[in-house]
Amino acid sequence: MRLLLGVLVALLCAGTAAAQDWPAKPIRIVVPFAPGGAADVWARVVAEPLSAALKQPVVIENRGGSGGMLAAQQVARAEPDGYTILVGGLAPQIISPSLAANPGFDTMKDFVHIAYIGGPPMVWVADPKNDLRSVKDVIAAAKADKLSAYATSGVGTLGHLVVEFVAKREGLKLNHVPYNTAAFADIIGGRIPIGSFTWGAALGQIQGGTLRGLAVTTETRRPEAPDVPTFKELGYDLVASTWFSFAAPKGTPDAVVRRLNAETIRIMKLPDVQKRRDQDAFDPREFTPEQLTAYFEAEMKRWGPVAQEAGMKK
């Protein structure tokens, strides 16, 4: 018994010492998508001030594929020493796994959830020249079989799920057309009536009058486009964003997790970073790791069934 107790104390002391010595080498942030996207951009926004605070290089590694699951698999299997971090969140750790028969990881068992970064809300848009001036008009057209289809940036994106959320509530079956590019051109050209996209992607077109904003998934109306109503004020329980977060392999020392959480929260409040968050309509949430874990659980219960009931499951 004394020997076992001694071993446990030694292991505990070793873990504490390792956490106190952290970081002693470069830290790697694995981004589950290609360079240039929102996840990549925000990883780099955070990386520079994080490197300065920790006095170690913070290296970005892009590993796209399988809707973000390849990167999540890689990080889940990494050494839990605080030197490998995933840009996780809604897409790679909730939506994509809910669509896969075997994602290769368990979001709640294989990761420790560190810090919330945030993400852009979704907005429904239409050609201002057509008769769809509101969400009510869209629903009426769909019920009258006068809505041909809707566009999003891809199957299983939040833009897709938001439409299916409303469609389920209203008892509609809608034809989904995923786009890689040219969706706005097709909406403006009258080839597809509506679309569901991130606020930042559509805002310039809304402000310029080439697209009409029908509703946005924010808590309150956005000051940069105050004429666009929220889904919430239209009676839908639909406040949502394509949010990102930091995660690490399960077993990462708690002291490391707490330090990364505190530094991320501090960085997200830096004036330049806060200005950018405001521009992208990010929702501010200063979650502890425990609160973030609970948020993951709630979002999994919220969006997993929507994806599966919409027939997205592979």
C-alpha atoms as a PDB file:
ATOM      1  CA  MET A   1       0.000   0.000   0.000  1.00  0.00           C
ATOM      2  CA  ARG A   2       2.815   2.418   0.915  1.00  0.00           C
ATOM      3  CA  LEU A   3       4.556   1.574  -2.339  1.00  0.00           C
ATOM      4  CA  LEU A   4       1.390   2.237  -4.347  1.00  0.00           C
ATOM      5  CA  LEU A   5       0.820   5.514  -2.513  1.00  0.00           C
ATOM      6  CA  GLY A   6       4.403   6.528  -3.211  1.00  0.00           C
ATOM      7  CA  VAL A   7       4.005   5.780  -6.913  1.00  0.00           C
ATOM      8  CA  LEU A   8       0.808   7.834  -7.091  1.00  0.00           C
ATOM      9  CA  VAL A   9       2.423  10.782  -5.314  1.00  0.00           C
ATOM     10  CA  ALA A  10       5.419  10.593  -7.642  1.00  0.00           C
ATOM     11  CA  LEU A  11       3.197  10.570 -10.708  1.00  0.00           C
ATOM     12  CA  LEU A  12       1.197  13.511  -9.394  1.00  0.00           C
ATOM     13  CA  CYS A  13       4.357  15.487  -8.675  1.00  0.00           C
ATOM     14  CA  ALA A  14       5.734  14.664 -12.118  1.00  0.00           C
ATOM     15  CA  GLY A  15       2.539  15.879 -13.780  1.00  0.00           C
ATOM     16  CA  THR A  16       2.558  19.087 -11.743  1.00  0.00           C
ATOM     17  CA  ALA A  17       6.197  19.745 -12.586  1.00  0.00           C
ATOM     18  CA  ALA A  18       5.542  19.138 -16.279  1.00  0.00           C
ATOM     19  CA  ALA A  19       2.658  21.626 -16.226  1.00  0.00           C
ATOM     20  CA  GLN A  20       4.818  24.188 -14.416  1.00  0.00           C
ATOM     21  CA  ASP A  21       7.558  23.811 -17.030  1.00  0.00           C
ATOM     22  CA  TRP A  22       5.082  24.229 -19.871  1.00  0.00           C
ATOM     23  CA  PRO A  23       5.649  25.519 -22.482  1.00  0.00           C
ATOM     24  CA  ALA A  24       9.249  24.508 -23.103  1.00  0.00           C
ATOM     25  CA  LYS A  25       8.965  24.126 -26.893  1.00  0.00           C
ATOM     26  CA  PRO A  26       6.784  25.318 -29.810  1.00  0.00           C
ATOM     27  CA  ILE A  27       3.040  24.743 -29.652  1.00  0.00           C
ATOM     28  CA  ARG A  28       1.159  23.430 -32.665  1.00  0.00           C
ATOM     29  CA  ILE A  29      -2.388  24.551 -33.520  1.00  0.00           C
ATOM     30  CA  VAL A  30      -4.013  22.132 -35.961  1.00  0.00           C
ATOM     31  CA  VAL A  31      -6.636  23.775 -38.195  1.00  0.00           C
ATOM     32  CA  PRO A  32      -9.125  21.300 -39.707  1.00  0.00           C
ATOM     33  CA  PHE A  33      -9.610  23.274 -42.922  1.00  0.00           C
ATOM     34  CA  ALA A  34      -7.544  24.772 -45.731  1.00  0.00           C
ATOM     35  CA  PRO A  35      -5.744  28.125 -45.366  1.00  0.00           C
ATOM     36  CA  GLY A  36      -7.843  31.228 -45.852  1.00  0.00           C
ATOM     37  CA  GLY A  37     -11.078  30.090 -44.225  1.00  0.00           C
ATOM     38  CA  ALA A  38     -12.519  31.495 -41.021  1.00  0.00           C
ATOM     39  CA  ALA A  39     -11.026  28.770 -38.804  1.00  0.00           C
ATOM     40  CA  ASP A  40      -7.572  29.373 -40.272  1.00  0.00           C
ATOM     41  CA  VAL A  41      -7.872  33.155 -40.044  1.00  0.00           C
ATOM     42  CA  TRP A  42      -8.880  33.065 -36.385  1.00  0.00           C
ATOM     43  CA  ALA A  43      -6.222  30.536 -35.471  1.00  0.00           C
ATOM     44  CA  ARG A  44      -3.664  33.004 -36.811  1.00  0.00           C
ATOM     45  CA  VAL A  45      -5.319  35.973 -35.093  1.00  0.00           C
ATOM     46  CA  VAL A  46      -4.932  34.196 -31.747  1.00  0.00           C
ATOM     47  CA  ALA A  47      -1.548  32.579 -32.449  1.00  0.00           C
ATOM     48  CA  GLU A  48       0.582  35.739 -32.529  1.00  0.00           C
ATOM     49  CA  PRO A  49      -0.447  37.221 -29.146  1.00  0.00           C
ATOM     50  CA  LEU A  50      -0.516  33.706 -27.648  1.00  0.00           C
ATOM     51  CA  SER A  51       3.078  33.165 -28.760  1.00  0.00           C
ATOM     52  CA  ALA A  52       4.091  36.467 -27.179  1.00  0.00           C
ATOM     53  CA  ALA A  53       2.376  35.580 -23.903  1.00  0.00           C
ATOM     54  CA  LEU A  54       3.825  32.061 -23.691  1.00  0.00           C
ATOM     55  CA  LYS A  55       7.258  33.044 -25.046  1.00  0.00           C
ATOM     56  CA  GLN A  56       7.242  30.125 -27.466  1.00  0.00           C
ATOM     57  CA  PRO A  57       6.447  29.879 -31.181  1.00  0.00           C
ATOM     58  CA  VAL A  58       2.865  28.922 -31.982  1.00  0.00           C
ATOM     59  CA  VAL A  59       2.814  27.104 -35.319  1.00  0.00           C
ATOM     60  CA  ILE A  60      -0.290  26.714 -37.486  1.00  0.00           C
ATOM     61  CA  GLU A  61      -0.756  23.381 -39.261  1.00  0.00           C
ATOM     62  CA  ASN A  62      -3.593  23.066 -41.777  1.00  0.00           C
ATOM     63  CA  ARG A  63      -4.996  19.558 -42.117  1.00  0.00           C
ATOM     64  CA  GLY A  64      -8.229  19.552 -44.064  1.00  0.00           C
ATOM     65  CA  GLY A  65     -10.411  16.635 -45.008  1.00  0.00           C
ATOM     66  CA  SER A  66     -13.626  14.834 -44.052  1.00  0.00           C
ATOM     67  CA  GLY A  67     -15.327  17.971 -42.818  1.00  0.00           C
ATOM     68  CA  GLY A  68     -12.593  18.578 -40.258  1.00  0.00           C
ATOM     69  CA  MET A  69     -12.538  15.048 -38.873  1.00  0.00           C
ATOM     70  CA  LEU A  70      -9.024  14.178 -40.086  1.00  0.00           C
ATOM     71  CA  ALA A  71      -7.553  16.961 -37.952  1.00  0.00           C
ATOM     72  CA  ALA A  72      -9.713  15.971 -34.990  1.00  0.00           C
ATOM     73  CA  GLN A  73      -8.550  12.366 -35.289  1.00  0.00           C
ATOM     74  CA  GLN A  74      -4.925  13.518 -35.374  1.00  0.00           C
ATOM     75  CA  VAL A  75      -5.241  15.655 -32.265  1.00  0.00           C
ATOM     76  CA  ALA A  76      -7.274  13.056 -30.358  1.00  0.00           C
ATOM     77  CA  ARG A  77      -4.362  10.618 -30.780  1.00  0.00           C
ATOM     78  CA  ALA A  78      -1.626  13.140 -29.973  1.00  0.00           C
ATOM     79  CA  GLU A  79       0.397  13.179 -26.766  1.00  0.00           C
ATOM     80  CA  PRO A  80      -1.653  15.014 -24.082  1.00  0.00           C
ATOM     81  CA  ASP A  81       1.200  17.330 -23.135  1.00  0.00           C
ATOM     82  CA  GLY A  82      -0.227  20.729 -24.089  1.00  0.00           C
ATOM     83  CA  TYR A  83       1.767  21.065 -27.300  1.00  0.00           C
ATOM     84  CA  THR A  84      -0.968  20.028 -29.747  1.00  0.00           C
ATOM     85  CA  ILE A  85      -4.191  22.042 -29.929  1.00  0.00           C
ATOM     86  CA  LEU A  86      -7.161  21.646 -32.257  1.00  0.00           C
ATOM     87  CA  VAL A  87      -9.289  24.417 -33.672  1.00  0.00           C
ATOM     88  CA  GLY A  88     -12.471  22.502 -33.008  1.00  0.00           C
ATOM     89  CA  GLY A  89     -16.063  23.514 -32.551  1.00  0.00           C
ATOM     90  CA  LEU A  90     -19.391  23.040 -34.274  1.00  0.00           C
ATOM     91  CA  ALA A  91     -18.307  21.754 -37.691  1.00  0.00           C
ATOM     92  CA  PRO A  92     -15.407  19.365 -36.994  1.00  0.00           C
ATOM     93  CA  GLN A  93     -16.491  18.048 -33.596  1.00  0.00           C
ATOM     94  CA  ILE A  94     -20.294  18.070 -33.742  1.00  0.00           C
ATOM     95  CA  ILE A  95     -21.815  18.252 -37.226  1.00  0.00           C
ATOM     96  CA  SER A  96     -19.283  16.165 -39.169  1.00  0.00           C
ATOM     97  CA  PRO A  97     -19.136  13.324 -36.598  1.00  0.00           C
ATOM     98  CA  SER A  98     -22.943  13.213 -36.489  1.00  0.00           C
ATOM     99  CA  LEU A  99     -22.952  12.549 -40.241  1.00  0.00           C
ATOM    100  CA  ALA A 100     -20.273   9.843 -40.221  1.00  0.00           C
ATOM    101  CA  ALA A 101     -20.721   6.149 -39.516  1.00  0.00           C
ATOM    102  CA  ASN A 102     -17.290   6.045 -37.857  1.00  0.00           C
ATOM    103  CA  PRO A 103     -15.725   9.451 -37.158  1.00  0.00           C
ATOM    104  CA  GLY A 104     -12.657   7.917 -35.479  1.00  0.00           C
ATOM    105  CA  PHE A 105     -13.026   9.872 -32.234  1.00  0.00           C
ATOM    106  CA  ASP A 106     -15.498  10.705 -29.498  1.00  0.00           C
ATOM    107  CA  THR A 107     -15.906  14.450 -29.058  1.00  0.00           C
ATOM    108  CA  MET A 108     -16.707  14.215 -25.351  1.00  0.00           C
ATOM    109  CA  LYS A 109     -14.399  11.365 -24.347  1.00  0.00           C
ATOM    110  CA  ASP A 110     -11.268  12.012 -26.413  1.00  0.00           C
ATOM    111  CA  PHE A 111     -10.834  15.770 -25.888  1.00  0.00           C
ATOM    112  CA  VAL A 112     -10.612  18.366 -23.186  1.00  0.00           C
ATOM    113  CA  HIS A 113     -12.432  21.522 -24.311  1.00  0.00           C
ATOM    114  CA  ILE A 114     -10.295  24.547 -23.549  1.00  0.00           C
ATOM    115  CA  ALA A 115     -11.640  27.895 -24.733  1.00  0.00           C
ATOM    116  CA  TYR A 116     -14.399  29.397 -26.858  1.00  0.00           C
ATOM    117  CA  ILE A 117     -13.389  31.548 -29.815  1.00  0.00           C
ATOM    118  CA  GLY A 118     -16.743  32.251 -31.448  1.00  0.00           C
ATOM    119  CA  GLY A 119     -17.942  32.397 -34.999  1.00  0.00           C
ATOM    120  CA  PRO A 120     -20.245  34.131 -37.460  1.00  0.00           C
ATOM    121  CA  PRO A 121     -24.036  33.852 -37.430  1.00  0.00           C
ATOM    122  CA  MET A 122     -26.087  32.815 -40.457  1.00  0.00           C
ATOM    123  CA  VAL A 123     -28.353  34.991 -42.569  1.00  0.00           C
ATOM    124  CA  TRP A 124     -31.012  34.127 -45.142  1.00  0.00           C
ATOM    125  CA  VAL A 125     -30.735  36.209 -48.305  1.00  0.00           C
ATOM    126  CA  ALA A 126     -32.822  36.673 -51.445  1.00  0.00           C
ATOM    127  CA  ASP A 127     -32.697  38.592 -54.696  1.00  0.00           C
ATOM    128  CA  PRO A 128     -34.244  42.011 -53.944  1.00  0.00           C
ATOM    129  CA  LYS A 129     -35.992  41.837 -57.327  1.00  0.00           C
ATOM    130  CA  ASN A 130     -38.098  38.802 -56.375  1.00  0.00           C
ATOM    131  CA  ASP A 131     -41.219  38.698 -54.198  1.00  0.00           C
ATOM    132  CA  LEU A 132     -39.554  36.998 -51.211  1.00  0.00           C
ATOM    133  CA  ARG A 133     -39.313  39.897 -48.797  1.00  0.00           C
ATOM    134  CA  SER A 134     -39.478  37.961 -45.521  1.00  0.00           C
ATOM    135  CA  VAL A 135     -39.174  34.520 -43.966  1.00  0.00           C
ATOM    136  CA  LYS A 136     -42.979  34.437 -43.949  1.00  0.00           C
ATOM    137  CA  ASP A 137     -42.956  34.910 -47.723  1.00  0.00           C
ATOM    138  CA  VAL A 138     -40.449  32.051 -48.110  1.00  0.00           C
ATOM    139  CA  ILE A 139     -42.631  29.694 -46.051  1.00  0.00           C
ATOM    140  CA  ALA A 140     -45.745  30.666 -47.982  1.00  0.00           C
ATOM    141  CA  ALA A 141     -43.988  30.097 -51.303  1.00  0.00           C
ATOM    142  CA  ALA A 142     -42.699  26.716 -50.155  1.00  0.00           C
ATOM    143  CA  LYS A 143     -46.149  25.606 -48.999  1.00  0.00           C
ATOM    144  CA  ALA A 144     -47.551  26.658 -52.378  1.00  0.00           C
ATOM    145  CA  ASP A 145     -44.804  24.695 -54.198  1.00  0.00           C
ATOM    146  CA  LYS A 146     -43.436  27.960 -55.601  1.00  0.00           C
ATOM    147  CA  LEU A 147     -39.970  27.762 -54.014  1.00  0.00           C
ATOM    148  CA  SER A 148     -37.636  25.835 -56.297  1.00  0.00           C
ATOM    149  CA  ALA A 149     -34.621  25.446 -53.991  1.00  0.00           C
ATOM    150  CA  TYR A 150     -32.255  27.101 -51.549  1.00  0.00           C
ATOM    151  CA  ALA A 151     -28.479  27.538 -51.666  1.00  0.00           C
ATOM    152  CA  THR A 152     -25.803  27.081 -48.985  1.00  0.00           C
ATOM    153  CA  SER A 153     -22.041  26.698 -48.938  1.00  0.00           C
ATOM    154  CA  GLY A 154     -22.280  22.931 -48.442  1.00  0.00           C
ATOM    155  CA  VAL A 155     -24.007  19.848 -47.067  1.00  0.00           C
ATOM    156  CA  GLY A 156     -23.923  19.771 -43.280  1.00  0.00           C
ATOM    157  CA  THR A 157     -22.942  23.415 -42.862  1.00  0.00           C
ATOM    158  CA  LEU A 158     -24.787  25.499 -40.318  1.00  0.00           C
ATOM    159  CA  GLY A 159     -26.419  27.356 -43.210  1.00  0.00           C
ATOM    160  CA  HIS A 160     -27.901  24.027 -44.277  1.00  0.00           C
ATOM    161  CA  LEU A 161     -28.988  23.089 -40.760  1.00  0.00           C
ATOM    162  CA  VAL A 162     -30.635  26.443 -40.101  1.00  0.00           C
ATOM    163  CA  VAL A 163     -32.887  26.046 -43.150  1.00  0.00           C
ATOM    164  CA  GLU A 164     -33.747  22.477 -42.176  1.00  0.00           C
ATOM    165  CA  PHE A 165     -34.487  23.628 -38.613  1.00  0.00           C
ATOM    166  CA  VAL A 166     -37.089  26.074 -39.913  1.00  0.00           C
ATOM    167  CA  ALA A 167     -38.363  23.587 -42.500  1.00  0.00           C
ATOM    168  CA  LYS A 168     -38.996  20.995 -39.790  1.00  0.00           C
ATOM    169  CA  ARG A 169     -40.821  23.525 -37.646  1.00  0.00           C
ATOM    170  CA  GLU A 170     -43.029  24.517 -40.593  1.00  0.00           C
ATOM    171  CA  GLY A 171     -43.513  21.028 -42.022  1.00  0.00           C
ATOM    172  CA  LEU A 172     -41.682  21.766 -45.267  1.00  0.00           C
ATOM    173  CA  LYS A 173     -39.587  19.691 -47.647  1.00  0.00           C
ATOM    174  CA  LEU A 174     -37.076  21.905 -49.454  1.00  0.00           C
ATOM    175  CA  ASN A 175     -34.587  21.194 -52.220  1.00  0.00           C
ATOM    176  CA  HIS A 176     -31.035  21.933 -51.073  1.00  0.00           C
ATOM    177  CA  VAL A 177     -28.382  23.057 -53.586  1.00  0.00           C
ATOM    178  CA  PRO A 178     -24.857  23.183 -52.095  1.00  0.00           C
ATOM    179  CA  TYR A 179     -22.397  25.600 -53.702  1.00  0.00           C
ATOM    180  CA  ASN A 180     -18.623  25.928 -53.602  1.00  0.00           C
ATOM    181  CA  THR A 181     -18.679  29.265 -55.432  1.00  0.00           C
ATOM    182  CA  ALA A 182     -21.024  31.530 -57.407  1.00  0.00           C
ATOM    183  CA  ALA A 183     -24.040  31.121 -55.111  1.00  0.00           C
ATOM    184  CA  PHE A 184     -24.577  34.861 -54.761  1.00  0.00           C
ATOM    185  CA  ALA A 185     -24.353  35.327 -58.528  1.00  0.00           C
ATOM    186  CA  ASP A 186     -27.024  32.691 -59.032  1.00  0.00           C
ATOM    187  CA  ILE A 187     -29.304  34.258 -56.413  1.00  0.00           C
ATOM    188  CA  ILE A 188     -28.836  37.737 -57.895  1.00  0.00           C
ATOM    189  CA  GLY A 189     -29.364  36.283 -61.366  1.00  0.00           C
ATOM    190  CA  GLY A 190     -32.661  34.688 -60.350  1.00  0.00           C
ATOM    191  CA  ARG A 191     -31.474  31.108 -60.863  1.00  0.00           C
ATOM    192  CA  ILE A 192     -32.097  30.164 -57.241  1.00  0.00           C
ATOM    193  CA  PRO A 193     -34.466  32.134 -54.972  1.00  0.00           C
ATOM    194  CA  ILE A 194     -32.806  32.175 -51.538  1.00  0.00           C
ATOM    195  CA  GLY A 195     -29.633  31.212 -49.722  1.00  0.00           C
ATOM    196  CA  SER A 196     -28.362  30.696 -46.184  1.00  0.00           C
ATOM    197  CA  PHE A 197     -24.800  31.925 -45.560  1.00  0.00           C
ATOM    198  CA  THR A 198     -22.544  33.435 -42.934  1.00  0.00           C
ATOM    199  CA  TRP A 199     -23.233  37.026 -41.996  1.00  0.00           C
ATOM    200  CA  GLY A 200     -19.754  38.198 -42.943  1.00  0.00           C
ATOM    201  CA  ALA A 201     -19.917  36.611 -46.393  1.00  0.00           C
ATOM    202  CA  ALA A 202     -23.267  38.203 -47.229  1.00  0.00           C
ATOM    203  CA  LEU A 203     -23.023  41.541 -45.419  1.00  0.00           C
ATOM    204  CA  GLY A 204     -21.380  43.503 -48.238  1.00  0.00           C
ATOM    205  CA  GLN A 205     -24.060  42.380 -50.676  1.00  0.00           C
ATOM    206  CA  ILE A 206     -26.814  43.252 -48.184  1.00  0.00           C
ATOM    207  CA  GLN A 207     -25.368  46.703 -47.515  1.00  0.00           C
ATOM    208  CA  GLY A 208     -24.856  47.262 -51.243  1.00  0.00           C
ATOM    209  CA  GLY A 209     -28.446  46.315 -52.017  1.00  0.00           C
ATOM    210  CA  THR A 210     -27.630  43.407 -54.307  1.00  0.00           C
ATOM    211  CA  LEU A 211     -29.049  40.930 -51.794  1.00  0.00           C
ATOM    212  CA  ARG A 212     -31.945  41.312 -49.369  1.00  0.00           C
ATOM    213  CA  GLY A 213     -31.382  40.029 -45.845  1.00  0.00           C
ATOM    214  CA  LEU A 214     -34.431  38.103 -44.638  1.00  0.00           C
ATOM    215  CA  ALA A 215     -33.369  37.068 -41.125  1.00  0.00           C
ATOM    216  CA  VAL A 216     -30.196  36.580 -39.098  1.00  0.00           C
ATOM    217  CA  THR A 217     -29.430  34.060 -36.334  1.00  0.00           C
ATOM    218  CA  THR A 218     -28.159  36.617 -33.798  1.00  0.00           C
ATOM    219  CA  GLU A 219     -29.736  37.418 -30.436  1.00  0.00           C
ATOM    220  CA  THR A 220     -30.531  40.999 -31.511  1.00  0.00           C
ATOM    221  CA  ARG A 221     -30.449  42.928 -34.785  1.00  0.00           C
ATOM    222  CA  ARG A 222     -27.031  43.864 -36.114  1.00  0.00           C
ATOM    223  CA  PRO A 223     -26.200  47.597 -36.115  1.00  0.00           C
ATOM    224  CA  GLU A 224     -24.516  47.386 -39.532  1.00  0.00           C
ATOM    225  CA  ALA A 225     -27.786  46.155 -41.115  1.00  0.00           C
ATOM    226  CA  PRO A 226     -30.575  47.102 -38.688  1.00  0.00           C
ATOM    227  CA  ASP A 227     -33.382  46.357 -41.157  1.00  0.00           C
ATOM    228  CA  VAL A 228     -32.638  42.621 -41.090  1.00  0.00           C
ATOM    229  CA  PRO A 229     -34.789  40.973 -38.388  1.00  0.00           C
ATOM    230  CA  THR A 230     -33.625  38.120 -36.194  1.00  0.00           C
ATOM    231  CA  PHE A 231     -35.169  34.661 -36.323  1.00  0.00           C
ATOM    232  CA  LYS A 232     -35.758  35.044 -32.597  1.00  0.00           C
ATOM    233  CA  GLU A 233     -38.025  38.048 -33.036  1.00  0.00           C
ATOM    234  CA  LEU A 234     -39.892  36.091 -35.730  1.00  0.00           C
ATOM    235  CA  GLY A 235     -40.733  33.450 -33.131  1.00  0.00           C
ATOM    236  CA  TYR A 236     -38.011  30.851 -33.757  1.00  0.00           C
ATOM    237  CA  ASP A 237     -35.725  29.487 -31.051  1.00  0.00           C
ATOM    238  CA  LEU A 238     -32.814  30.030 -33.391  1.00  0.00           C
ATOM    239  CA  VAL A 239     -29.777  31.905 -32.093  1.00  0.00           C
ATOM    240  CA  ALA A 240     -26.768  30.179 -33.628  1.00  0.00           C
ATOM    241  CA  SER A 241     -23.304  30.655 -35.075  1.00  0.00           C
ATOM    242  CA  THR A 242     -20.623  28.632 -36.811  1.00  0.00           C
ATOM    243  CA  TRP A 243     -18.454  28.731 -33.711  1.00  0.00           C
ATOM    244  CA  PHE A 244     -14.875  27.607 -33.140  1.00  0.00           C
ATOM    245  CA  SER A 245     -13.051  26.598 -29.988  1.00  0.00           C
ATOM    246  CA  PHE A 246      -9.737  25.195 -28.801  1.00  0.00           C
ATOM    247  CA  ALA A 247      -9.445  21.562 -27.733  1.00  0.00           C
ATOM    248  CA  ALA A 248      -6.611  19.241 -26.729  1.00  0.00           C
ATOM    249  CA  PRO A 249      -6.234  15.486 -26.214  1.00  0.00           C
ATOM    250  CA  LYS A 250      -7.902  14.115 -23.110  1.00  0.00           C
ATOM    251  CA  GLY A 251      -5.395  13.970 -20.265  1.00  0.00           C
ATOM    252  CA  THR A 252      -3.757  17.322 -21.007  1.00  0.00           C
ATOM    253  CA  PRO A 253      -2.691  18.766 -17.626  1.00  0.00           C
ATOM    254  CA  ASP A 254      -5.353  20.907 -16.021  1.00  0.00           C
ATOM    255  CA  ALA A 255      -2.897  23.713 -15.299  1.00  0.00           C
ATOM    256  CA  VAL A 256      -2.104  23.919 -19.023  1.00  0.00           C
ATOM    257  CA  VAL A 257      -5.790  23.932 -19.921  1.00  0.00           C
ATOM    258  CA  ARG A 258      -6.480  26.741 -17.419  1.00  0.00           C
ATOM    259  CA  ARG A 259      -3.583  28.812 -18.728  1.00  0.00           C
ATOM    260  CA  LEU A 260      -4.698  28.428 -22.334  1.00  0.00           C
ATOM    261  CA  ASN A 261      -8.269  29.290 -21.366  1.00  0.00           C
ATOM    262  CA  ALA A 262      -7.195  32.453 -19.545  1.00  0.00           C
ATOM    263  CA  GLU A 263      -4.869  33.566 -22.338  1.00  0.00           C
ATOM    264  CA  THR A 264      -7.490  32.976 -25.034  1.00  0.00           C
ATOM    265  CA  ILE A 265     -10.110  34.980 -23.146  1.00  0.00           C
ATOM    266  CA  ARG A 266      -7.581  37.792 -22.653  1.00  0.00           C
ATOM    267  CA  ILE A 267      -6.586  37.774 -26.332  1.00  0.00           C
ATOM    268  CA  MET A 268     -10.183  37.860 -27.525  1.00  0.00           C
ATOM    269  CA  LYS A 269     -10.649  41.109 -25.555  1.00  0.00           C
ATOM    270  CA  LEU A 270      -7.633  42.889 -27.070  1.00  0.00           C
ATOM    271  CA  PRO A 271      -8.867  46.039 -28.867  1.00  0.00           C
ATOM    272  CA  ASP A 272      -7.849  44.976 -32.382  1.00  0.00           C
ATOM    273  CA  VAL A 273      -9.211  41.470 -31.895  1.00  0.00           C
ATOM    274  CA  GLN A 274     -12.435  42.757 -30.348  1.00  0.00           C
ATOM    275  CA  LYS A 275     -12.917  45.108 -33.304  1.00  0.00           C
ATOM    276  CA  ARG A 276     -12.578  42.190 -35.682  1.00  0.00           C
ATOM    277  CA  ARG A 277     -14.979  40.080 -33.634  1.00  0.00           C
ATOM    278  CA  ASP A 278     -17.536  42.886 -33.781  1.00  0.00           C
ATOM    279  CA  GLN A 279     -17.120  43.182 -37.557  1.00  0.00           C
ATOM    280  CA  ASP A 280     -17.685  39.439 -37.985  1.00  0.00           C
ATOM    281  CA  ALA A 281     -20.649  39.493 -35.548  1.00  0.00           C
ATOM    282  CA  PHE A 282     -19.032  36.961 -33.210  1.00  0.00           C
ATOM    283  CA  ASP A 283     -20.962  36.196 -30.047  1.00  0.00           C
ATOM    284  CA  PRO A 284     -18.893  36.995 -26.921  1.00  0.00           C
ATOM    285  CA  ARG A 285     -18.750  34.098 -24.446  1.00  0.00           C
ATOM    286  CA  GLU A 286     -16.070  33.801 -21.764  1.00  0.00           C
ATOM    287  CA  PHE A 287     -16.560  30.117 -21.028  1.00  0.00           C
ATOM    288  CA  THR A 288     -14.551  28.187 -18.478  1.00  0.00           C
ATOM    289  CA  PRO A 289     -13.495  24.710 -19.709  1.00  0.00           C
ATOM    290  CA  GLU A 290     -16.398  23.229 -17.746  1.00  0.00           C
ATOM    291  CA  GLN A 291     -18.904  25.655 -19.267  1.00  0.00           C
ATOM    292  CA  LEU A 292     -17.536  24.982 -22.743  1.00  0.00           C
ATOM    293  CA  THR A 293     -17.894  21.242 -22.206  1.00  0.00           C
ATOM    294  CA  ALA A 294     -21.529  21.739 -21.211  1.00  0.00           C
ATOM    295  CA  TYR A 295     -22.049  23.934 -24.272  1.00  0.00           C
ATOM    296  CA  PHE A 296     -20.670  21.157 -26.487  1.00  0.00           C
ATOM    297  CA  GLU A 297     -23.132  18.706 -24.981  1.00  0.00           C
ATOM    298  CA  ALA A 298     -26.039  21.086 -25.574  1.00  0.00           C
ATOM    299  CA  GLU A 299     -25.020  21.818 -29.175  1.00  0.00           C
ATOM    300  CA  MET A 300     -24.635  18.107 -29.922  1.00  0.00           C
ATOM    301  CA  LYS A 301     -28.181  17.477 -28.707  1.00  0.00           C
ATOM    302  CA  ARG A 302     -29.408  20.465 -30.698  1.00  0.00           C
ATOM    303  CA  TRP A 303     -27.832  19.951 -34.127  1.00  0.00           C
ATOM    304  CA  GLY A 304     -27.084  16.235 -34.392  1.00  0.00           C
ATOM    305  CA  PRO A 305     -30.760  15.226 -34.738  1.00  0.00           C
ATOM    306  CA  VAL A 306     -31.441  18.070 -37.198  1.00  0.00           C
ATOM    307  CA  ALA A 307     -28.670  16.823 -39.489  1.00  0.00           C
ATOM    308  CA  GLN A 308     -29.800  13.217 -39.277  1.00  0.00           C
ATOM    309  CA  GLU A 309     -33.496  13.951 -39.737  1.00  0.00           C
ATOM    310  CA  ALA A 310     -32.666  16.055 -42.808  1.00  0.00           C
ATOM    311  CA  GLY A 311     -31.207  12.961 -44.417  1.00  0.00           C
ATOM    312  CA  MET A 312     -27.590  14.138 -44.228  1.00  0.00           C
ATOM    313  CA  LYS A 313     -26.280  11.113 -42.350  1.00  0.00           C
ATOM    314  CA  LYS A 314     -23.816   9.084 -44.405  1.00  0.00           C
END
